[in-house]
């Protein structure tokens, strides 16, 4: 079971920030073999949803209020450590992120830019595709919305 915390950028300590950036790099850059600018200047505007196991961060998302990233509230940088995925922590961190958006931003409409191979995962969470597939950093993506 994950222990979930939601923090602003300024509430993150140095160890947490390092673990977040390491996890994102480990999955998005190394595992997915995708060279892109992860540190995009938007972390400071986001709320960070941290999934802890044994005091380490093994799951993570960042969430944005409506208008900050998309017209609607949004969830991004959804990541679970490879060795922890079989516990289905992706569902735990996403459900916590959806709840955090309801609590902090008082909305239930959420837009994401989803990697296409995860479409079924996001469908299971209530997200539906809108528009055409597109490439983002060389990886097929699709916009999805949950109302």
C-alpha atoms as a PDB file:
ATOM      1  CA  UNK A   1       0.000   0.000   0.000  1.00  0.00           C
ATOM      2  CA  UNK A   2       1.254   3.424  -0.918  1.00  0.00           C
ATOM      3  CA  UNK A   3       1.377   6.314   1.486  1.00  0.00           C
ATOM      4  CA  UNK A   4       0.278   9.373  -0.497  1.00  0.00           C
ATOM      5  CA  UNK A   5       1.206  13.007   0.132  1.00  0.00           C
ATOM      6  CA  UNK A   6       0.371  16.112  -1.900  1.00  0.00           C
ATOM      7  CA  UNK A   7       2.867  18.960  -1.756  1.00  0.00           C
ATOM      8  CA  UNK A   8       3.579  22.268  -3.432  1.00  0.00           C
ATOM      9  CA  UNK A   9       7.002  22.700  -5.021  1.00  0.00           C
ATOM     10  CA  UNK A  10       8.241  24.776  -2.073  1.00  0.00           C
ATOM     11  CA  UNK A  11       7.148  22.050   0.375  1.00  0.00           C
ATOM     12  CA  UNK A  12       9.344  19.424  -1.291  1.00  0.00           C
ATOM     13  CA  UNK A  13      12.609  18.801   0.503  1.00  0.00           C
ATOM     14  CA  UNK A  14      15.848  18.244  -1.395  1.00  0.00           C
ATOM     15  CA  UNK A  15      15.710  14.451  -0.984  1.00  0.00           C
ATOM     16  CA  UNK A  16      12.132  14.311  -2.334  1.00  0.00           C
ATOM     17  CA  UNK A  17      12.954  16.537  -5.304  1.00  0.00           C
ATOM     18  CA  UNK A  18      15.982  14.386  -6.102  1.00  0.00           C
ATOM     19  CA  UNK A  19      13.903  11.176  -5.886  1.00  0.00           C
ATOM     20  CA  UNK A  20      11.181  12.644  -8.134  1.00  0.00           C
ATOM     21  CA  UNK A  21      13.669  13.753 -10.794  1.00  0.00           C
ATOM     22  CA  UNK A  22      15.556  10.436 -10.568  1.00  0.00           C
ATOM     23  CA  UNK A  23      12.324   8.421 -10.985  1.00  0.00           C
ATOM     24  CA  UNK A  24      11.124  10.539 -13.905  1.00  0.00           C
ATOM     25  CA  UNK A  25      14.532  10.270 -15.609  1.00  0.00           C
ATOM     26  CA  UNK A  26      14.763   6.523 -14.914  1.00  0.00           C
ATOM     27  CA  UNK A  27      11.425   5.860 -16.645  1.00  0.00           C
ATOM     28  CA  UNK A  28      10.909   8.595 -19.229  1.00  0.00           C
ATOM     29  CA  UNK A  29      14.504   9.078 -20.410  1.00  0.00           C
ATOM     30  CA  UNK A  30      16.260   5.738 -19.813  1.00  0.00           C
ATOM     31  CA  UNK A  31      13.496   3.086 -19.941  1.00  0.00           C
ATOM     32  CA  UNK A  32      11.536   4.769 -22.739  1.00  0.00           C
ATOM     33  CA  UNK A  33      14.725   5.881 -24.509  1.00  0.00           C
ATOM     34  CA  UNK A  34      13.374   9.394 -24.968  1.00  0.00           C
ATOM     35  CA  UNK A  35      15.582  12.444 -24.851  1.00  0.00           C
ATOM     36  CA  UNK A  36      13.436  15.395 -23.792  1.00  0.00           C
ATOM     37  CA  UNK A  37      13.515  18.381 -21.435  1.00  0.00           C
ATOM     38  CA  UNK A  38      11.901  16.946 -18.283  1.00  0.00           C
ATOM     39  CA  UNK A  39      12.638  20.003 -16.151  1.00  0.00           C
ATOM     40  CA  UNK A  40      10.319  22.322 -18.066  1.00  0.00           C
ATOM     41  CA  UNK A  41       9.802  25.101 -15.516  1.00  0.00           C
ATOM     42  CA  UNK A  42       6.270  23.882 -14.724  1.00  0.00           C
ATOM     43  CA  UNK A  43       7.108  21.960 -11.538  1.00  0.00           C
ATOM     44  CA  UNK A  44       6.978  25.231  -9.612  1.00  0.00           C
ATOM     45  CA  UNK A  45       3.316  25.736 -10.663  1.00  0.00           C
ATOM     46  CA  UNK A  46       2.188  22.162  -9.975  1.00  0.00           C
ATOM     47  CA  UNK A  47       1.002  20.250  -6.963  1.00  0.00           C
ATOM     48  CA  UNK A  48       3.060  17.078  -6.576  1.00  0.00           C
ATOM     49  CA  UNK A  49       1.376  13.792  -5.685  1.00  0.00           C
ATOM     50  CA  UNK A  50       3.938  11.505  -4.084  1.00  0.00           C
ATOM     51  CA  UNK A  51       3.528   7.772  -3.537  1.00  0.00           C
ATOM     52  CA  UNK A  52       5.839   6.469  -0.813  1.00  0.00           C
ATOM     53  CA  UNK A  53       6.774   2.881  -0.038  1.00  0.00           C
ATOM     54  CA  UNK A  54       9.325   2.213   2.707  1.00  0.00           C
ATOM     55  CA  UNK A  55      10.155   5.939   2.837  1.00  0.00           C
ATOM     56  CA  UNK A  56      11.112   6.063  -0.856  1.00  0.00           C
ATOM     57  CA  UNK A  57       9.078   7.599  -3.691  1.00  0.00           C
ATOM     58  CA  UNK A  58       7.941   4.828  -6.055  1.00  0.00           C
ATOM     59  CA  UNK A  59       4.982   6.581  -7.732  1.00  0.00           C
ATOM     60  CA  UNK A  60       4.398  10.175  -8.712  1.00  0.00           C
ATOM     61  CA  UNK A  61       2.274  12.645 -10.665  1.00  0.00           C
ATOM     62  CA  UNK A  62       2.061  16.383 -10.902  1.00  0.00           C
ATOM     63  CA  UNK A  63      -1.310  18.110 -11.138  1.00  0.00           C
ATOM     64  CA  UNK A  64      -2.335  21.525 -12.435  1.00  0.00           C
ATOM     65  CA  UNK A  65      -5.329  23.749 -11.870  1.00  0.00           C
ATOM     66  CA  UNK A  66      -7.576  24.607 -14.842  1.00  0.00           C
ATOM     67  CA  UNK A  67      -5.861  27.034 -17.202  1.00  0.00           C
ATOM     68  CA  UNK A  68      -2.326  26.354 -15.962  1.00  0.00           C
ATOM     69  CA  UNK A  69      -1.512  23.670 -18.539  1.00  0.00           C
ATOM     70  CA  UNK A  70      -4.739  22.926 -20.407  1.00  0.00           C
ATOM     71  CA  UNK A  71      -8.178  24.540 -20.326  1.00  0.00           C
ATOM     72  CA  UNK A  72      -9.126  21.912 -17.732  1.00  0.00           C
ATOM     73  CA  UNK A  73      -7.303  20.624 -14.668  1.00  0.00           C
ATOM     74  CA  UNK A  74      -4.604  18.166 -15.671  1.00  0.00           C
ATOM     75  CA  UNK A  75      -2.405  15.332 -14.500  1.00  0.00           C
ATOM     76  CA  UNK A  76       1.053  14.750 -15.935  1.00  0.00           C
ATOM     77  CA  UNK A  77       4.375  12.993 -15.449  1.00  0.00           C
ATOM     78  CA  UNK A  78       2.502   9.873 -14.282  1.00  0.00           C
ATOM     79  CA  UNK A  79       5.210   7.438 -13.258  1.00  0.00           C
ATOM     80  CA  UNK A  80       5.663   4.251 -11.221  1.00  0.00           C
ATOM     81  CA  UNK A  81       9.026   2.603 -10.633  1.00  0.00           C
ATOM     82  CA  UNK A  82       9.393  -0.411 -12.940  1.00  0.00           C
ATOM     83  CA  UNK A  83       9.928  -2.885 -10.103  1.00  0.00           C
ATOM     84  CA  UNK A  84       6.730  -1.678  -8.358  1.00  0.00           C
ATOM     85  CA  UNK A  85       4.260  -1.765 -11.284  1.00  0.00           C
ATOM     86  CA  UNK A  86       2.959  -5.262 -10.578  1.00  0.00           C
ATOM     87  CA  UNK A  87       1.334  -3.864  -7.398  1.00  0.00           C
ATOM     88  CA  UNK A  88      -0.865  -1.633  -9.619  1.00  0.00           C
ATOM     89  CA  UNK A  89       0.354   1.522  -7.901  1.00  0.00           C
ATOM     90  CA  UNK A  90      -0.511   3.393 -11.105  1.00  0.00           C
ATOM     91  CA  UNK A  91      -4.172   3.165 -10.120  1.00  0.00           C
ATOM     92  CA  UNK A  92      -3.404   4.285  -6.559  1.00  0.00           C
ATOM     93  CA  UNK A  93      -1.416   7.354  -7.640  1.00  0.00           C
ATOM     94  CA  UNK A  94      -3.949   8.287 -10.341  1.00  0.00           C
ATOM     95  CA  UNK A  95      -6.939   7.949  -7.992  1.00  0.00           C
ATOM     96  CA  UNK A  96      -5.101  10.051  -5.408  1.00  0.00           C
ATOM     97  CA  UNK A  97      -4.400  12.644  -8.129  1.00  0.00           C
ATOM     98  CA  UNK A  98      -8.054  12.723  -9.215  1.00  0.00           C
ATOM     99  CA  UNK A  99      -9.102  13.167  -5.563  1.00  0.00           C
ATOM    100  CA  UNK A 100      -6.487  15.922  -5.079  1.00  0.00           C
ATOM    101  CA  UNK A 101      -7.857  17.807  -8.095  1.00  0.00           C
ATOM    102  CA  UNK A 102     -11.383  17.617  -6.629  1.00  0.00           C
ATOM    103  CA  UNK A 103     -10.135  18.801  -3.235  1.00  0.00           C
ATOM    104  CA  UNK A 104      -7.662  21.521  -4.273  1.00  0.00           C
ATOM    105  CA  UNK A 105      -9.236  22.798  -7.497  1.00  0.00           C
ATOM    106  CA  UNK A 106     -12.939  21.987  -6.932  1.00  0.00           C
ATOM    107  CA  UNK A 107     -13.397  20.347 -10.338  1.00  0.00           C
ATOM    108  CA  UNK A 108     -13.865  16.858 -11.726  1.00  0.00           C
ATOM    109  CA  UNK A 109     -13.038  17.620 -15.368  1.00  0.00           C
ATOM    110  CA  UNK A 110      -9.466  16.558 -16.090  1.00  0.00           C
ATOM    111  CA  UNK A 111      -7.483  16.501 -19.340  1.00  0.00           C
ATOM    112  CA  UNK A 112      -4.353  14.437 -19.874  1.00  0.00           C
ATOM    113  CA  UNK A 113      -1.875  13.818 -22.669  1.00  0.00           C
ATOM    114  CA  UNK A 114      -1.688  10.030 -22.523  1.00  0.00           C
ATOM    115  CA  UNK A 115       0.858   7.712 -24.084  1.00  0.00           C
ATOM    116  CA  UNK A 116      -1.220   5.585 -26.462  1.00  0.00           C
ATOM    117  CA  UNK A 117      -0.012   2.240 -25.122  1.00  0.00           C
ATOM    118  CA  UNK A 118      -1.614   3.182 -21.759  1.00  0.00           C
ATOM    119  CA  UNK A 119      -5.048   3.947 -23.253  1.00  0.00           C
ATOM    120  CA  UNK A 120      -6.753   0.961 -21.545  1.00  0.00           C
ATOM    121  CA  UNK A 121      -5.265   1.961 -18.165  1.00  0.00           C
ATOM    122  CA  UNK A 122      -6.681   5.488 -18.501  1.00  0.00           C
ATOM    123  CA  UNK A 123     -10.016   4.175 -19.835  1.00  0.00           C
ATOM    124  CA  UNK A 124     -10.297   2.115 -16.628  1.00  0.00           C
ATOM    125  CA  UNK A 125      -9.978   5.382 -14.675  1.00  0.00           C
ATOM    126  CA  UNK A 126     -12.800   7.037 -16.650  1.00  0.00           C
ATOM    127  CA  UNK A 127     -10.756   8.959 -19.247  1.00  0.00           C
ATOM    128  CA  UNK A 128     -12.003   9.030 -22.848  1.00  0.00           C
ATOM    129  CA  UNK A 129     -10.003   9.961 -25.972  1.00  0.00           C
ATOM    130  CA  UNK A 130     -10.621  13.298 -27.697  1.00  0.00           C
ATOM    131  CA  UNK A 131      -9.067  14.172 -31.037  1.00  0.00           C
ATOM    132  CA  UNK A 132      -6.394  12.484 -33.067  1.00  0.00           C
ATOM    133  CA  UNK A 133      -3.212  10.708 -32.053  1.00  0.00           C
ATOM    134  CA  UNK A 134      -0.080  12.879 -32.111  1.00  0.00           C
ATOM    135  CA  UNK A 135       3.622  12.542 -31.434  1.00  0.00           C
ATOM    136  CA  UNK A 136       5.031  14.100 -28.286  1.00  0.00           C
ATOM    137  CA  UNK A 137       8.793  13.711 -27.867  1.00  0.00           C
ATOM    138  CA  UNK A 138       8.658  10.939 -30.498  1.00  0.00           C
ATOM    139  CA  UNK A 139       6.074   8.865 -28.577  1.00  0.00           C
ATOM    140  CA  UNK A 140       2.451   8.423 -29.774  1.00  0.00           C
ATOM    141  CA  UNK A 141       0.038  10.261 -27.461  1.00  0.00           C
ATOM    142  CA  UNK A 142      -3.658  10.989 -27.343  1.00  0.00           C
ATOM    143  CA  UNK A 143      -5.556  13.695 -25.475  1.00  0.00           C
ATOM    144  CA  UNK A 144      -8.049  12.209 -23.015  1.00  0.00           C
ATOM    145  CA  UNK A 145     -10.680  13.815 -20.778  1.00  0.00           C
ATOM    146  CA  UNK A 146     -12.495  12.639 -17.673  1.00  0.00           C
ATOM    147  CA  UNK A 147     -15.677  14.553 -16.797  1.00  0.00           C
END
